[in-house]
N, C-alpha and C. Protein backbone atom coordinates (compact mmCIF):
# COMPACT_ATOMS: atom_id res chain seq x y z
N MET A 1 -12.85 -14.33 5.05
CA MET A 1 -12.95 -12.90 4.80
C MET A 1 -12.16 -12.14 5.87
N ILE A 2 -11.33 -11.22 5.41
CA ILE A 2 -10.54 -10.39 6.33
C ILE A 2 -11.44 -9.29 6.88
N LEU A 3 -11.40 -9.12 8.20
CA LEU A 3 -12.15 -8.06 8.88
C LEU A 3 -11.17 -7.15 9.59
N MET A 4 -11.66 -6.03 10.12
CA MET A 4 -10.78 -5.09 10.83
C MET A 4 -10.04 -5.76 11.98
N ASP A 5 -10.67 -6.72 12.65
CA ASP A 5 -10.02 -7.42 13.77
C ASP A 5 -8.81 -8.23 13.31
N ASP A 6 -8.73 -8.55 12.02
CA ASP A 6 -7.60 -9.33 11.48
C ASP A 6 -6.41 -8.45 11.15
N ILE A 7 -6.62 -7.13 11.14
CA ILE A 7 -5.55 -6.19 10.76
C ILE A 7 -4.81 -5.76 12.02
N VAL A 8 -3.49 -6.02 12.05
CA VAL A 8 -2.69 -5.65 13.21
C VAL A 8 -2.46 -4.14 13.21
N ARG A 9 -2.31 -3.59 14.40
CA ARG A 9 -2.16 -2.15 14.54
C ARG A 9 -0.74 -1.79 14.91
N GLU A 10 -0.43 -0.47 14.73
CA GLU A 10 0.93 0.01 15.00
C GLU A 10 1.34 -0.43 16.40
N GLY A 11 2.61 -0.76 16.53
CA GLY A 11 3.13 -1.30 17.78
C GLY A 11 3.31 -2.81 17.69
N HIS A 12 2.59 -3.47 16.78
CA HIS A 12 2.74 -4.92 16.59
C HIS A 12 4.10 -5.16 15.93
N PRO A 13 4.89 -6.10 16.47
CA PRO A 13 6.26 -6.30 15.94
C PRO A 13 6.33 -6.68 14.46
N VAL A 14 5.34 -7.36 13.90
CA VAL A 14 5.41 -7.77 12.49
C VAL A 14 5.49 -6.56 11.56
N LEU A 15 4.95 -5.42 12.00
CA LEU A 15 4.96 -4.22 11.15
C LEU A 15 6.35 -3.60 11.03
N ARG A 16 7.29 -4.04 11.86
CA ARG A 16 8.66 -3.50 11.80
C ARG A 16 9.65 -4.52 11.26
N GLN A 17 9.16 -5.66 10.78
CA GLN A 17 10.04 -6.69 10.22
C GLN A 17 10.17 -6.52 8.71
N VAL A 18 11.31 -6.94 8.18
CA VAL A 18 11.45 -7.03 6.73
C VAL A 18 10.85 -8.38 6.34
N ALA A 19 9.84 -8.32 5.48
CA ALA A 19 9.10 -9.53 5.11
C ALA A 19 9.94 -10.43 4.19
N ALA A 20 9.65 -11.73 4.26
CA ALA A 20 10.35 -12.73 3.44
C ALA A 20 9.76 -12.80 2.04
N GLU A 21 10.60 -13.15 1.06
CA GLU A 21 10.13 -13.35 -0.32
C GLU A 21 9.03 -14.42 -0.31
N VAL A 22 8.09 -14.27 -1.22
CA VAL A 22 7.03 -15.26 -1.40
C VAL A 22 7.54 -16.32 -2.36
N GLU A 23 7.35 -17.58 -2.01
CA GLU A 23 7.77 -18.66 -2.91
C GLU A 23 6.77 -18.78 -4.06
N LEU A 24 7.33 -18.91 -5.27
CA LEU A 24 6.49 -19.08 -6.46
C LEU A 24 6.76 -20.44 -7.06
N PRO A 25 5.78 -21.13 -7.62
CA PRO A 25 4.38 -20.74 -7.64
C PRO A 25 3.80 -20.69 -6.22
N LEU A 26 2.72 -19.93 -6.09
CA LEU A 26 2.10 -19.73 -4.78
C LEU A 26 1.56 -21.03 -4.20
N SER A 27 1.72 -21.17 -2.90
CA SER A 27 1.06 -22.27 -2.19
C SER A 27 -0.43 -21.94 -2.14
N ALA A 28 -1.25 -22.93 -1.84
CA ALA A 28 -2.70 -22.70 -1.73
C ALA A 28 -2.99 -21.65 -0.66
N ASP A 29 -2.25 -21.70 0.46
CA ASP A 29 -2.48 -20.74 1.55
C ASP A 29 -2.11 -19.32 1.12
N ASP A 30 -0.98 -19.17 0.43
CA ASP A 30 -0.56 -17.84 -0.02
C ASP A 30 -1.52 -17.28 -1.07
N ARG A 31 -1.99 -18.15 -1.96
CA ARG A 31 -2.96 -17.71 -2.98
C ARG A 31 -4.24 -17.23 -2.29
N GLN A 32 -4.71 -17.97 -1.30
CA GLN A 32 -5.92 -17.59 -0.58
C GLN A 32 -5.74 -16.26 0.13
N LEU A 33 -4.57 -16.07 0.77
CA LEU A 33 -4.28 -14.81 1.44
C LEU A 33 -4.31 -13.66 0.44
N ALA A 34 -3.66 -13.84 -0.71
CA ALA A 34 -3.61 -12.81 -1.75
C ALA A 34 -5.03 -12.43 -2.18
N GLU A 35 -5.85 -13.43 -2.45
CA GLU A 35 -7.23 -13.19 -2.88
C GLU A 35 -8.04 -12.51 -1.77
N ASP A 36 -7.82 -12.93 -0.52
CA ASP A 36 -8.56 -12.34 0.61
C ASP A 36 -8.18 -10.87 0.82
N MET A 37 -6.91 -10.53 0.62
CA MET A 37 -6.48 -9.13 0.78
C MET A 37 -7.16 -8.24 -0.27
N LEU A 38 -7.21 -8.72 -1.51
CA LEU A 38 -7.85 -7.95 -2.57
C LEU A 38 -9.35 -7.84 -2.31
N THR A 39 -9.96 -8.91 -1.84
CA THR A 39 -11.39 -8.90 -1.52
C THR A 39 -11.68 -7.90 -0.41
N TYR A 40 -10.80 -7.82 0.61
CA TYR A 40 -11.00 -6.84 1.68
C TYR A 40 -11.09 -5.43 1.08
N LEU A 41 -10.15 -5.09 0.19
CA LEU A 41 -10.13 -3.74 -0.39
C LEU A 41 -11.41 -3.47 -1.18
N LYS A 42 -11.83 -4.44 -1.98
CA LYS A 42 -13.07 -4.27 -2.75
C LYS A 42 -14.25 -4.07 -1.80
N ASN A 43 -14.33 -4.93 -0.79
CA ASN A 43 -15.44 -4.82 0.18
C ASN A 43 -15.41 -3.50 0.93
N SER A 44 -14.20 -3.03 1.26
CA SER A 44 -14.07 -1.80 2.05
C SER A 44 -14.50 -0.57 1.26
N GLN A 45 -14.52 -0.70 -0.08
CA GLN A 45 -14.92 0.42 -0.93
C GLN A 45 -16.39 0.31 -1.35
N ASP A 46 -17.06 -0.74 -0.91
CA ASP A 46 -18.49 -0.92 -1.16
C ASP A 46 -19.22 -0.47 0.11
N ASP A 47 -19.91 0.67 0.03
CA ASP A 47 -20.52 1.27 1.23
C ASP A 47 -21.38 0.29 2.02
N GLU A 48 -22.19 -0.49 1.33
CA GLU A 48 -23.10 -1.41 2.01
C GLU A 48 -22.34 -2.51 2.77
N ILE A 49 -21.38 -3.13 2.09
CA ILE A 49 -20.59 -4.21 2.72
C ILE A 49 -19.73 -3.64 3.85
N ALA A 50 -19.09 -2.48 3.59
CA ALA A 50 -18.21 -1.87 4.59
C ALA A 50 -18.99 -1.56 5.87
N GLU A 51 -20.21 -1.04 5.71
CA GLU A 51 -21.01 -0.71 6.90
C GLU A 51 -21.44 -1.98 7.63
N LYS A 52 -21.86 -2.98 6.87
CA LYS A 52 -22.34 -4.24 7.46
C LYS A 52 -21.26 -4.91 8.32
N TYR A 53 -20.00 -4.88 7.83
CA TYR A 53 -18.92 -5.58 8.53
C TYR A 53 -17.98 -4.64 9.30
N GLY A 54 -18.26 -3.35 9.29
CA GLY A 54 -17.42 -2.40 10.02
C GLY A 54 -16.03 -2.27 9.44
N LEU A 55 -15.93 -2.21 8.11
CA LEU A 55 -14.62 -2.15 7.44
C LEU A 55 -14.22 -0.70 7.19
N ARG A 56 -12.97 -0.37 7.51
CA ARG A 56 -12.44 0.94 7.12
C ARG A 56 -12.02 0.87 5.68
N GLY A 57 -12.34 1.93 4.93
CA GLY A 57 -11.99 1.97 3.52
C GLY A 57 -10.49 1.97 3.31
N GLY A 58 -10.04 1.22 2.32
CA GLY A 58 -8.62 1.17 2.00
C GLY A 58 -8.40 0.96 0.52
N ILE A 59 -7.23 1.41 0.04
CA ILE A 59 -6.85 1.18 -1.36
C ILE A 59 -5.67 0.22 -1.45
N GLY A 60 -5.04 -0.07 -0.31
CA GLY A 60 -3.91 -0.99 -0.29
C GLY A 60 -3.86 -1.76 1.02
N LEU A 61 -3.37 -2.99 0.93
CA LEU A 61 -3.24 -3.82 2.13
C LEU A 61 -2.06 -4.76 1.91
N ALA A 62 -1.11 -4.75 2.85
CA ALA A 62 0.08 -5.60 2.75
C ALA A 62 -0.05 -6.79 3.70
N ALA A 63 0.56 -7.91 3.32
CA ALA A 63 0.49 -9.14 4.13
C ALA A 63 0.92 -8.91 5.58
N PRO A 64 1.99 -8.12 5.86
CA PRO A 64 2.34 -7.91 7.27
C PRO A 64 1.20 -7.28 8.09
N GLN A 65 0.31 -6.55 7.42
CA GLN A 65 -0.81 -5.93 8.14
C GLN A 65 -1.83 -6.95 8.62
N VAL A 66 -1.77 -8.17 8.07
CA VAL A 66 -2.63 -9.25 8.57
C VAL A 66 -1.76 -10.32 9.24
N ASN A 67 -0.61 -9.85 9.77
CA ASN A 67 0.30 -10.68 10.57
C ASN A 67 0.94 -11.83 9.78
N VAL A 68 1.21 -11.59 8.50
CA VAL A 68 1.93 -12.55 7.67
C VAL A 68 3.13 -11.82 7.08
N SER A 69 4.33 -12.20 7.51
CA SER A 69 5.54 -11.49 7.09
C SER A 69 6.05 -12.02 5.75
N LYS A 70 5.28 -11.74 4.69
CA LYS A 70 5.64 -12.15 3.33
C LYS A 70 5.51 -10.95 2.41
N ARG A 71 6.32 -10.95 1.34
CA ARG A 71 6.38 -9.81 0.42
C ARG A 71 5.24 -9.86 -0.60
N MET A 72 4.06 -9.49 -0.14
CA MET A 72 2.91 -9.37 -1.04
C MET A 72 1.98 -8.29 -0.52
N PHE A 73 1.37 -7.59 -1.46
CA PHE A 73 0.33 -6.64 -1.10
C PHE A 73 -0.69 -6.53 -2.22
N ALA A 74 -1.86 -6.01 -1.86
CA ALA A 74 -2.94 -5.80 -2.81
C ALA A 74 -3.19 -4.30 -2.97
N LEU A 75 -3.53 -3.88 -4.20
CA LEU A 75 -3.95 -2.51 -4.47
C LEU A 75 -5.26 -2.57 -5.26
N HIS A 76 -6.16 -1.63 -4.95
CA HIS A 76 -7.46 -1.57 -5.64
C HIS A 76 -7.90 -0.12 -5.66
N MET A 77 -7.74 0.54 -6.84
CA MET A 77 -8.06 1.97 -6.94
C MET A 77 -8.08 2.42 -8.38
N PRO A 78 -8.74 3.57 -8.65
CA PRO A 78 -8.66 4.13 -9.99
C PRO A 78 -7.33 4.86 -10.16
N ASP A 79 -6.82 4.91 -11.40
CA ASP A 79 -5.61 5.69 -11.64
C ASP A 79 -5.99 7.06 -12.20
N ASP A 80 -5.01 7.87 -12.53
CA ASP A 80 -5.26 9.23 -13.01
C ASP A 80 -5.98 9.26 -14.36
N ASP A 81 -5.92 8.17 -15.10
CA ASP A 81 -6.53 8.13 -16.43
C ASP A 81 -7.92 7.49 -16.42
N GLY A 82 -8.46 7.25 -15.22
CA GLY A 82 -9.80 6.68 -15.12
C GLY A 82 -9.84 5.16 -15.28
N GLN A 83 -8.68 4.54 -15.42
CA GLN A 83 -8.62 3.08 -15.48
C GLN A 83 -8.62 2.56 -14.04
N PHE A 84 -9.09 1.32 -13.87
CA PHE A 84 -9.08 0.77 -12.52
C PHE A 84 -7.90 -0.17 -12.36
N LEU A 85 -7.10 0.06 -11.34
CA LEU A 85 -5.98 -0.82 -11.03
C LEU A 85 -6.41 -1.73 -9.89
N SER A 86 -6.30 -3.01 -10.10
CA SER A 86 -6.69 -3.96 -9.06
C SER A 86 -5.80 -5.19 -9.23
N PHE A 87 -4.86 -5.37 -8.29
CA PHE A 87 -3.93 -6.49 -8.42
C PHE A 87 -3.28 -6.81 -7.08
N VAL A 88 -2.69 -7.99 -7.04
CA VAL A 88 -1.84 -8.38 -5.92
C VAL A 88 -0.42 -8.43 -6.47
N ALA A 89 0.50 -7.77 -5.78
CA ALA A 89 1.91 -7.74 -6.17
C ALA A 89 2.70 -8.70 -5.28
N LEU A 90 3.38 -9.65 -5.90
CA LEU A 90 4.21 -10.61 -5.18
C LEU A 90 5.67 -10.26 -5.43
N ASN A 91 6.45 -10.18 -4.36
CA ASN A 91 7.87 -9.83 -4.43
C ASN A 91 8.10 -8.56 -5.27
N PRO A 92 7.37 -7.49 -4.95
CA PRO A 92 7.47 -6.26 -5.75
C PRO A 92 8.77 -5.51 -5.54
N LYS A 93 9.17 -4.80 -6.62
CA LYS A 93 10.39 -3.97 -6.57
C LYS A 93 10.15 -2.71 -7.39
N ILE A 94 10.78 -1.62 -6.97
CA ILE A 94 10.83 -0.42 -7.80
C ILE A 94 12.12 -0.52 -8.60
N VAL A 95 12.01 -0.50 -9.92
CA VAL A 95 13.20 -0.64 -10.76
C VAL A 95 13.75 0.71 -11.20
N SER A 96 12.90 1.74 -11.23
CA SER A 96 13.37 3.10 -11.49
C SER A 96 12.33 4.08 -10.96
N HIS A 97 12.79 5.32 -10.74
CA HIS A 97 11.88 6.34 -10.22
C HIS A 97 12.32 7.72 -10.67
N SER A 98 11.38 8.65 -10.62
CA SER A 98 11.67 10.03 -11.00
C SER A 98 12.49 10.70 -9.90
N VAL A 99 13.19 11.75 -10.28
CA VAL A 99 13.87 12.59 -9.29
C VAL A 99 12.80 13.40 -8.56
N GLU A 100 11.81 13.82 -9.32
CA GLU A 100 10.72 14.62 -8.79
C GLU A 100 9.92 13.83 -7.75
N LYS A 101 9.53 14.53 -6.71
CA LYS A 101 8.76 13.88 -5.64
C LYS A 101 7.35 14.47 -5.60
N THR A 102 6.50 13.82 -4.85
CA THR A 102 5.15 14.29 -4.62
C THR A 102 4.74 13.91 -3.20
N TYR A 103 3.59 14.37 -2.79
CA TYR A 103 3.04 14.02 -1.48
C TYR A 103 1.55 14.32 -1.51
N LEU A 104 0.82 13.65 -0.66
CA LEU A 104 -0.62 13.93 -0.52
C LEU A 104 -0.76 15.11 0.42
N SER A 105 -1.38 16.18 -0.05
CA SER A 105 -1.48 17.39 0.78
C SER A 105 -2.27 17.14 2.06
N GLY A 106 -3.16 16.15 2.04
CA GLY A 106 -3.91 15.81 3.25
C GLY A 106 -3.22 14.76 4.10
N GLY A 107 -2.02 14.36 3.72
CA GLY A 107 -1.30 13.32 4.45
C GLY A 107 -1.77 11.93 4.05
N GLU A 108 -1.11 10.91 4.58
CA GLU A 108 -1.46 9.52 4.29
C GLU A 108 -2.14 8.91 5.49
N GLY A 109 -2.88 7.86 5.23
CA GLY A 109 -3.52 7.09 6.30
C GLY A 109 -3.14 5.64 6.12
N CYS A 110 -3.52 4.82 7.08
CA CYS A 110 -3.12 3.41 7.04
C CYS A 110 -4.12 2.61 7.86
N LEU A 111 -4.50 1.44 7.35
CA LEU A 111 -5.44 0.58 8.07
C LEU A 111 -4.86 0.09 9.40
N SER A 112 -3.54 0.12 9.53
CA SER A 112 -2.90 -0.31 10.78
C SER A 112 -2.68 0.84 11.76
N VAL A 113 -3.10 2.04 11.39
CA VAL A 113 -2.89 3.21 12.25
C VAL A 113 -4.27 3.83 12.54
N ASP A 114 -4.66 3.79 13.81
CA ASP A 114 -5.99 4.25 14.21
C ASP A 114 -6.01 5.70 14.65
N ARG A 115 -5.06 6.49 14.17
CA ARG A 115 -5.01 7.90 14.57
C ARG A 115 -4.60 8.73 13.37
N GLU A 116 -4.93 10.01 13.43
CA GLU A 116 -4.49 10.93 12.39
C GLU A 116 -3.01 11.22 12.64
N VAL A 117 -2.20 11.17 11.61
CA VAL A 117 -0.80 11.54 11.71
C VAL A 117 -0.55 12.65 10.69
N PRO A 118 -0.58 13.91 11.15
CA PRO A 118 -0.43 15.01 10.21
C PRO A 118 1.00 15.11 9.67
N GLY A 119 1.09 15.55 8.43
CA GLY A 119 2.41 15.79 7.84
C GLY A 119 2.50 15.26 6.43
N TYR A 120 3.49 15.80 5.71
CA TYR A 120 3.74 15.39 4.33
C TYR A 120 4.65 14.17 4.31
N VAL A 121 4.29 13.20 3.47
CA VAL A 121 5.08 11.99 3.29
C VAL A 121 5.67 12.05 1.87
N PRO A 122 6.97 12.35 1.75
CA PRO A 122 7.56 12.44 0.41
C PRO A 122 7.60 11.08 -0.29
N ARG A 123 7.16 11.08 -1.55
CA ARG A 123 7.17 9.87 -2.38
C ARG A 123 7.68 10.25 -3.76
N TYR A 124 8.20 9.26 -4.50
CA TYR A 124 8.58 9.53 -5.88
C TYR A 124 7.31 9.78 -6.69
N LYS A 125 7.37 10.76 -7.58
CA LYS A 125 6.19 11.13 -8.37
C LYS A 125 5.84 10.04 -9.39
N ARG A 126 6.86 9.45 -10.02
CA ARG A 126 6.65 8.39 -11.01
C ARG A 126 7.60 7.23 -10.69
N ILE A 127 7.08 6.02 -10.82
CA ILE A 127 7.91 4.84 -10.57
C ILE A 127 7.65 3.79 -11.65
N THR A 128 8.67 2.99 -11.91
CA THR A 128 8.50 1.80 -12.73
C THR A 128 8.74 0.63 -11.79
N VAL A 129 7.80 -0.31 -11.81
CA VAL A 129 7.82 -1.40 -10.84
C VAL A 129 7.77 -2.75 -11.54
N LYS A 130 8.28 -3.76 -10.86
CA LYS A 130 8.19 -5.15 -11.32
C LYS A 130 7.67 -5.98 -10.16
N PHE A 131 6.81 -6.94 -10.50
CA PHE A 131 6.31 -7.88 -9.50
C PHE A 131 5.71 -9.09 -10.21
N HIS A 132 5.44 -10.12 -9.45
CA HIS A 132 4.75 -11.29 -9.99
C HIS A 132 3.28 -11.22 -9.61
N THR A 133 2.44 -11.73 -10.50
CA THR A 133 1.01 -11.79 -10.24
C THR A 133 0.68 -13.09 -9.53
N ILE A 134 -0.57 -13.23 -9.10
CA ILE A 134 -1.02 -14.47 -8.45
C ILE A 134 -0.79 -15.66 -9.39
N GLU A 135 -0.96 -15.41 -10.70
CA GLU A 135 -0.79 -16.48 -11.69
C GLU A 135 0.68 -16.81 -11.95
N GLY A 136 1.60 -16.01 -11.39
CA GLY A 136 3.02 -16.27 -11.55
C GLY A 136 3.68 -15.51 -12.68
N ASN A 137 2.93 -14.66 -13.38
CA ASN A 137 3.50 -13.86 -14.46
C ASN A 137 4.25 -12.66 -13.88
N GLU A 138 5.37 -12.29 -14.54
CA GLU A 138 6.07 -11.08 -14.12
C GLU A 138 5.47 -9.89 -14.87
N LEU A 139 5.12 -8.85 -14.14
CA LEU A 139 4.57 -7.64 -14.73
C LEU A 139 5.51 -6.48 -14.48
N LYS A 140 5.56 -5.57 -15.46
CA LYS A 140 6.32 -4.33 -15.30
C LYS A 140 5.34 -3.20 -15.60
N LEU A 141 5.16 -2.29 -14.65
CA LEU A 141 4.21 -1.19 -14.81
C LEU A 141 4.89 0.14 -14.53
N ARG A 142 4.40 1.18 -15.20
CA ARG A 142 4.78 2.56 -14.87
C ARG A 142 3.61 3.14 -14.11
N LEU A 143 3.88 3.67 -12.94
CA LEU A 143 2.81 4.25 -12.11
C LEU A 143 3.11 5.71 -11.82
N LYS A 144 2.06 6.50 -11.73
CA LYS A 144 2.18 7.90 -11.33
C LYS A 144 0.96 8.23 -10.49
N GLY A 145 0.98 9.40 -9.87
CA GLY A 145 -0.17 9.83 -9.08
C GLY A 145 -0.42 8.94 -7.88
N LEU A 146 -1.70 8.79 -7.53
CA LEU A 146 -2.06 8.02 -6.34
C LEU A 146 -1.58 6.56 -6.40
N PRO A 147 -1.68 5.87 -7.55
CA PRO A 147 -1.16 4.50 -7.58
C PRO A 147 0.33 4.41 -7.23
N ALA A 148 1.13 5.39 -7.68
CA ALA A 148 2.56 5.40 -7.34
C ALA A 148 2.76 5.60 -5.85
N VAL A 149 2.00 6.51 -5.26
CA VAL A 149 2.09 6.76 -3.81
C VAL A 149 1.67 5.50 -3.04
N ALA A 150 0.55 4.91 -3.43
CA ALA A 150 0.05 3.72 -2.73
C ALA A 150 1.02 2.54 -2.85
N PHE A 151 1.61 2.35 -4.04
CA PHE A 151 2.57 1.26 -4.23
C PHE A 151 3.74 1.44 -3.27
N GLN A 152 4.25 2.68 -3.17
CA GLN A 152 5.39 2.95 -2.28
C GLN A 152 5.01 2.75 -0.81
N HIS A 153 3.79 3.15 -0.45
CA HIS A 153 3.30 2.97 0.93
C HIS A 153 3.27 1.48 1.28
N GLU A 154 2.71 0.67 0.38
CA GLU A 154 2.60 -0.77 0.66
C GLU A 154 3.97 -1.44 0.63
N LEU A 155 4.84 -1.03 -0.31
CA LEU A 155 6.19 -1.59 -0.36
C LEU A 155 6.93 -1.30 0.95
N ASP A 156 6.72 -0.11 1.50
CA ASP A 156 7.33 0.21 2.80
C ASP A 156 6.92 -0.81 3.86
N HIS A 157 5.65 -1.23 3.85
CA HIS A 157 5.19 -2.22 4.84
C HIS A 157 6.02 -3.50 4.75
N LEU A 158 6.44 -3.86 3.55
CA LEU A 158 7.22 -5.09 3.38
C LEU A 158 8.64 -4.93 3.91
N ASN A 159 9.05 -3.68 4.14
CA ASN A 159 10.39 -3.39 4.65
C ASN A 159 10.37 -2.89 6.09
N GLY A 160 9.24 -3.05 6.77
CA GLY A 160 9.15 -2.66 8.17
C GLY A 160 9.10 -1.16 8.40
N ILE A 161 8.66 -0.42 7.37
CA ILE A 161 8.62 1.05 7.46
C ILE A 161 7.17 1.51 7.49
N MET A 162 6.85 2.41 8.42
CA MET A 162 5.52 3.00 8.49
C MET A 162 5.56 4.36 7.78
N PHE A 163 4.43 4.79 7.24
CA PHE A 163 4.40 6.04 6.46
C PHE A 163 4.90 7.23 7.27
N TYR A 164 4.59 7.26 8.57
CA TYR A 164 4.98 8.42 9.38
C TYR A 164 6.48 8.47 9.65
N ASP A 165 7.21 7.40 9.34
CA ASP A 165 8.67 7.43 9.46
C ASP A 165 9.28 8.45 8.49
N HIS A 166 8.54 8.76 7.40
CA HIS A 166 9.03 9.70 6.38
C HIS A 166 8.71 11.16 6.71
N ILE A 167 7.83 11.39 7.68
CA ILE A 167 7.40 12.76 7.99
C ILE A 167 8.49 13.47 8.79
N ASN A 168 8.75 14.71 8.43
CA ASN A 168 9.74 15.53 9.14
C ASN A 168 9.27 15.70 10.59
N PRO A 169 10.02 15.18 11.57
CA PRO A 169 9.57 15.25 12.97
C PRO A 169 9.58 16.66 13.54
N VAL A 170 10.42 17.53 13.01
CA VAL A 170 10.52 18.90 13.53
C VAL A 170 9.41 19.76 12.95
N ASN A 171 9.21 19.66 11.64
CA ASN A 171 8.17 20.44 10.98
C ASN A 171 7.45 19.54 9.98
N PRO A 172 6.34 18.88 10.41
CA PRO A 172 5.66 17.90 9.56
C PRO A 172 5.17 18.45 8.21
N PHE A 173 4.97 19.76 8.13
CA PHE A 173 4.48 20.35 6.88
C PHE A 173 5.54 21.19 6.18
N SER A 174 6.83 20.92 6.47
CA SER A 174 7.88 21.69 5.80
C SER A 174 7.93 21.33 4.32
N GLU A 175 8.36 22.29 3.53
CA GLU A 175 8.43 22.10 2.08
C GLU A 175 9.41 20.96 1.77
N ILE A 176 9.03 20.16 0.78
CA ILE A 176 9.87 19.05 0.35
C ILE A 176 10.57 19.46 -0.94
N PRO A 177 11.90 19.45 -0.99
CA PRO A 177 12.62 19.84 -2.21
C PRO A 177 12.19 19.00 -3.41
N ASP A 178 12.10 19.63 -4.59
CA ASP A 178 11.72 18.95 -5.84
C ASP A 178 10.40 18.19 -5.77
N ALA A 179 9.45 18.73 -4.97
CA ALA A 179 8.16 18.04 -4.82
C ALA A 179 7.00 18.97 -5.09
N SER A 180 5.93 18.39 -5.60
CA SER A 180 4.68 19.12 -5.76
C SER A 180 3.57 18.28 -5.17
N PRO A 181 2.55 18.92 -4.60
CA PRO A 181 1.48 18.13 -3.98
C PRO A 181 0.67 17.37 -5.04
N LEU A 182 0.21 16.21 -4.66
CA LEU A 182 -0.65 15.41 -5.53
C LEU A 182 -2.09 15.77 -5.20
N GLU A 183 -2.78 16.25 -6.18
CA GLU A 183 -4.19 16.60 -5.97
C GLU A 183 -5.03 15.37 -6.25
N THR A 184 -5.71 14.87 -5.23
CA THR A 184 -6.58 13.70 -5.42
C THR A 184 -8.00 14.18 -5.63
N LYS A 185 -8.68 13.46 -6.49
CA LYS A 185 -10.06 13.83 -6.85
C LYS A 185 -11.02 13.40 -5.77
């Protein structure tokens, strides 16, 4: 079981590396890691389990955040249509995106960042993505809203990019061209 102590924090060199492709089919170790990352997210959203183990709530977790430089991440959250998205993405890619951008008006957070980082993080409003599942199937999804933002946040982790790298250093809350805020429920 992944705990907060297993999650590396900003400043750790693995968070700035470009992660390596995951070999498919998955090795037993990679499959276990994928399942453990998804389990962490589920546990972190269960108030009783989160309190018992001291877990910070999260909707996404990338392998580099647990000190494994491989191109995989887990997402676990509801989408805008009330459906629940819960999957591990292996070797994920954005194949197309909207011109229109969005951002979380309250800013983004990260399990690897133990401080508030104020500012708008511009993201594509809609994305089409491709990735392999744990079972080895290729999936193509269209994402919008919070799932699109979270997918881009986790994909950044695989490329050694932290969310605050996108924030305007001069004026963190400056208007973003062609963007509208994402209202989260």
